[in-house]
Amino acid sequence: MPKFPGLSGAEIVKALQKLGFEVARQSGSHIVLKRNGQGCVVPNHKEVKPGTVNGVLRQAGVSPREFEEAL
């Protein structure tokens, strides 16, 4: 899986919104996004570790290539 270093939670949310996800709710520093019944949780931190980004993409069912294009 590709590495996505230095991404913030806000940047991840914006990219996922371009792919059709909508913010369902926020609980503390975690943002829940949904698309067609499938959801994912994004930590709203200044910098999200690459492994966490890959985990979010697996939850969302989004390929790294698709995500990279949305950035």
N, C-alpha and C. Protein backbone atom coordinates (compact mmCIF):
# COMPACT_ATOMS: atom_id res chain seq x y z
N MET A 1 0.85 -1.19 0.00
CA MET A 1 0.00 0.00 0.00
C MET A 1 0.89 1.24 0.00
N PRO A 2 0.47 2.26 -0.71
CA PRO A 2 1.26 3.48 -0.74
C PRO A 2 1.21 4.19 0.60
N LYS A 3 2.23 4.97 0.85
CA LYS A 3 2.30 5.76 2.08
C LYS A 3 1.71 7.14 1.79
N PHE A 4 1.00 7.66 2.77
CA PHE A 4 0.44 9.01 2.67
C PHE A 4 0.92 9.82 3.86
N PRO A 5 2.18 10.25 3.85
CA PRO A 5 2.71 10.96 5.01
C PRO A 5 2.24 12.41 5.07
N GLY A 6 2.11 12.92 6.27
CA GLY A 6 1.84 14.34 6.47
C GLY A 6 0.44 14.81 6.16
N LEU A 7 -0.54 13.91 6.09
CA LEU A 7 -1.91 14.33 5.84
C LEU A 7 -2.61 14.64 7.15
N SER A 8 -3.43 15.68 7.13
CA SER A 8 -4.23 16.00 8.31
C SER A 8 -5.60 15.35 8.18
N GLY A 9 -6.31 15.28 9.28
CA GLY A 9 -7.66 14.73 9.25
C GLY A 9 -8.56 15.51 8.32
N ALA A 10 -8.43 16.83 8.31
CA ALA A 10 -9.26 17.68 7.45
C ALA A 10 -9.00 17.39 5.98
N GLU A 11 -7.74 17.16 5.61
CA GLU A 11 -7.40 16.85 4.21
C GLU A 11 -8.00 15.51 3.79
N ILE A 12 -7.98 14.54 4.70
CA ILE A 12 -8.55 13.22 4.41
C ILE A 12 -10.05 13.34 4.21
N VAL A 13 -10.71 14.10 5.09
CA VAL A 13 -12.16 14.29 4.99
C VAL A 13 -12.52 14.96 3.66
N LYS A 14 -11.77 15.99 3.26
CA LYS A 14 -12.04 16.69 2.00
C LYS A 14 -11.92 15.75 0.80
N ALA A 15 -10.87 14.91 0.81
CA ALA A 15 -10.67 13.97 -0.29
C ALA A 15 -11.80 12.95 -0.34
N LEU A 16 -12.22 12.44 0.83
CA LEU A 16 -13.31 11.47 0.85
C LEU A 16 -14.63 12.11 0.43
N GLN A 17 -14.82 13.39 0.75
CA GLN A 17 -16.03 14.08 0.32
C GLN A 17 -16.06 14.22 -1.20
N LYS A 18 -14.91 14.40 -1.82
CA LYS A 18 -14.85 14.45 -3.29
C LYS A 18 -15.25 13.10 -3.90
N LEU A 19 -15.07 12.03 -3.13
CA LEU A 19 -15.42 10.68 -3.59
C LEU A 19 -16.85 10.31 -3.24
N GLY A 20 -17.62 11.25 -2.72
CA GLY A 20 -19.04 11.00 -2.47
C GLY A 20 -19.42 10.74 -1.03
N PHE A 21 -18.47 10.78 -0.11
CA PHE A 21 -18.78 10.58 1.30
C PHE A 21 -19.35 11.86 1.90
N GLU A 22 -20.22 11.70 2.89
CA GLU A 22 -20.80 12.85 3.60
C GLU A 22 -20.54 12.68 5.08
N VAL A 23 -20.31 13.79 5.77
CA VAL A 23 -20.09 13.75 7.20
C VAL A 23 -21.41 13.40 7.88
N ALA A 24 -21.43 12.28 8.60
CA ALA A 24 -22.64 11.84 9.29
C ALA A 24 -22.71 12.46 10.69
N ARG A 25 -21.56 12.45 11.37
CA ARG A 25 -21.50 13.04 12.71
C ARG A 25 -20.05 13.16 13.14
N GLN A 26 -19.85 13.86 14.26
CA GLN A 26 -18.52 13.98 14.84
C GLN A 26 -18.63 13.74 16.33
N SER A 27 -17.75 12.94 16.86
CA SER A 27 -17.71 12.66 18.28
C SER A 27 -16.31 12.96 18.77
N GLY A 28 -16.15 14.07 19.46
CA GLY A 28 -14.81 14.47 19.89
C GLY A 28 -13.94 14.79 18.70
N SER A 29 -12.80 14.12 18.61
CA SER A 29 -11.88 14.38 17.51
C SER A 29 -11.99 13.34 16.40
N HIS A 30 -13.11 12.63 16.34
CA HIS A 30 -13.30 11.62 15.30
C HIS A 30 -14.53 11.97 14.46
N ILE A 31 -14.33 11.98 13.13
CA ILE A 31 -15.39 12.34 12.19
C ILE A 31 -15.87 11.06 11.50
N VAL A 32 -17.17 10.83 11.51
CA VAL A 32 -17.75 9.65 10.87
C VAL A 32 -18.33 10.08 9.53
N LEU A 33 -17.88 9.41 8.46
CA LEU A 33 -18.37 9.70 7.11
C LEU A 33 -19.10 8.48 6.59
N LYS A 34 -20.11 8.72 5.74
CA LYS A 34 -20.88 7.61 5.17
C LYS A 34 -21.12 7.84 3.68
N ARG A 35 -21.20 6.70 2.96
CA ARG A 35 -21.55 6.72 1.53
C ARG A 35 -22.21 5.39 1.22
N ASN A 36 -23.45 5.45 0.78
CA ASN A 36 -24.19 4.24 0.40
C ASN A 36 -24.17 3.17 1.50
N GLY A 37 -24.36 3.59 2.73
CA GLY A 37 -24.40 2.64 3.84
C GLY A 37 -23.05 2.19 4.35
N GLN A 38 -21.97 2.55 3.66
CA GLN A 38 -20.63 2.19 4.10
C GLN A 38 -20.01 3.40 4.78
N GLY A 39 -19.38 3.19 5.92
CA GLY A 39 -18.84 4.30 6.66
C GLY A 39 -17.39 4.11 7.04
N CYS A 40 -16.80 5.19 7.52
CA CYS A 40 -15.43 5.15 8.02
C CYS A 40 -15.27 6.25 9.06
N VAL A 41 -14.28 6.08 9.91
CA VAL A 41 -14.01 7.03 10.98
C VAL A 41 -12.65 7.66 10.73
N VAL A 42 -12.60 8.99 10.67
CA VAL A 42 -11.35 9.71 10.42
C VAL A 42 -10.98 10.50 11.67
N PRO A 43 -9.77 10.29 12.20
CA PRO A 43 -9.34 11.11 13.34
C PRO A 43 -9.03 12.53 12.87
N ASN A 44 -9.57 13.51 13.55
CA ASN A 44 -9.36 14.91 13.15
C ASN A 44 -8.13 15.44 13.87
N HIS A 45 -6.96 14.98 13.43
CA HIS A 45 -5.70 15.38 14.03
C HIS A 45 -4.88 16.19 13.03
N LYS A 46 -3.87 16.91 13.53
CA LYS A 46 -3.02 17.71 12.65
C LYS A 46 -2.27 16.83 11.67
N GLU A 47 -1.80 15.68 12.14
CA GLU A 47 -1.11 14.74 11.25
C GLU A 47 -1.57 13.33 11.60
N VAL A 48 -2.00 12.60 10.59
CA VAL A 48 -2.49 11.23 10.75
C VAL A 48 -1.40 10.29 10.21
N LYS A 49 -1.06 9.27 10.98
CA LYS A 49 0.00 8.35 10.58
C LYS A 49 -0.42 7.58 9.31
N PRO A 50 0.56 7.23 8.47
CA PRO A 50 0.26 6.53 7.21
C PRO A 50 -0.52 5.23 7.40
N GLY A 51 -0.21 4.47 8.43
CA GLY A 51 -0.93 3.23 8.68
C GLY A 51 -2.40 3.48 9.00
N THR A 52 -2.66 4.57 9.71
CA THR A 52 -4.04 4.94 10.04
C THR A 52 -4.79 5.35 8.78
N VAL A 53 -4.13 6.08 7.90
CA VAL A 53 -4.76 6.49 6.64
C VAL A 53 -5.14 5.25 5.84
N ASN A 54 -4.23 4.27 5.77
CA ASN A 54 -4.54 3.04 5.03
C ASN A 54 -5.70 2.29 5.67
N GLY A 55 -5.80 2.32 6.99
CA GLY A 55 -6.92 1.69 7.68
C GLY A 55 -8.23 2.37 7.36
N VAL A 56 -8.21 3.70 7.30
CA VAL A 56 -9.42 4.47 6.94
C VAL A 56 -9.86 4.10 5.53
N LEU A 57 -8.91 3.98 4.62
CA LEU A 57 -9.24 3.63 3.23
C LEU A 57 -9.84 2.23 3.14
N ARG A 58 -9.33 1.29 3.94
CA ARG A 58 -9.90 -0.06 3.96
C ARG A 58 -11.34 0.00 4.48
N GLN A 59 -11.57 0.76 5.56
CA GLN A 59 -12.92 0.91 6.11
C GLN A 59 -13.86 1.48 5.06
N ALA A 60 -13.38 2.47 4.33
CA ALA A 60 -14.21 3.17 3.36
C ALA A 60 -14.40 2.38 2.07
N GLY A 61 -13.56 1.40 1.83
CA GLY A 61 -13.65 0.65 0.58
C GLY A 61 -13.15 1.45 -0.60
N VAL A 62 -12.16 2.29 -0.35
CA VAL A 62 -11.60 3.16 -1.38
C VAL A 62 -10.18 2.69 -1.68
N SER A 63 -9.83 2.60 -2.95
CA SER A 63 -8.48 2.19 -3.31
C SER A 63 -7.51 3.35 -3.09
N PRO A 64 -6.26 3.05 -2.77
CA PRO A 64 -5.27 4.11 -2.58
C PRO A 64 -5.12 5.00 -3.81
N ARG A 65 -5.24 4.42 -5.00
CA ARG A 65 -5.12 5.20 -6.24
C ARG A 65 -6.28 6.20 -6.36
N GLU A 66 -7.48 5.73 -6.06
CA GLU A 66 -8.66 6.60 -6.08
C GLU A 66 -8.49 7.76 -5.09
N PHE A 67 -8.02 7.43 -3.90
CA PHE A 67 -7.82 8.43 -2.86
C PHE A 67 -6.77 9.45 -3.28
N GLU A 68 -5.67 8.94 -3.84
CA GLU A 68 -4.59 9.82 -4.28
C GLU A 68 -5.06 10.82 -5.33
N GLU A 69 -5.93 10.36 -6.25
CA GLU A 69 -6.47 11.25 -7.29
C GLU A 69 -7.38 12.32 -6.67
N ALA A 70 -8.08 11.95 -5.60
CA ALA A 70 -9.01 12.90 -4.95
C ALA A 70 -8.26 13.96 -4.15
N LEU A 71 -7.02 13.65 -3.76
CA LEU A 71 -6.23 14.64 -3.02
C LEU A 71 -5.90 15.80 -3.93
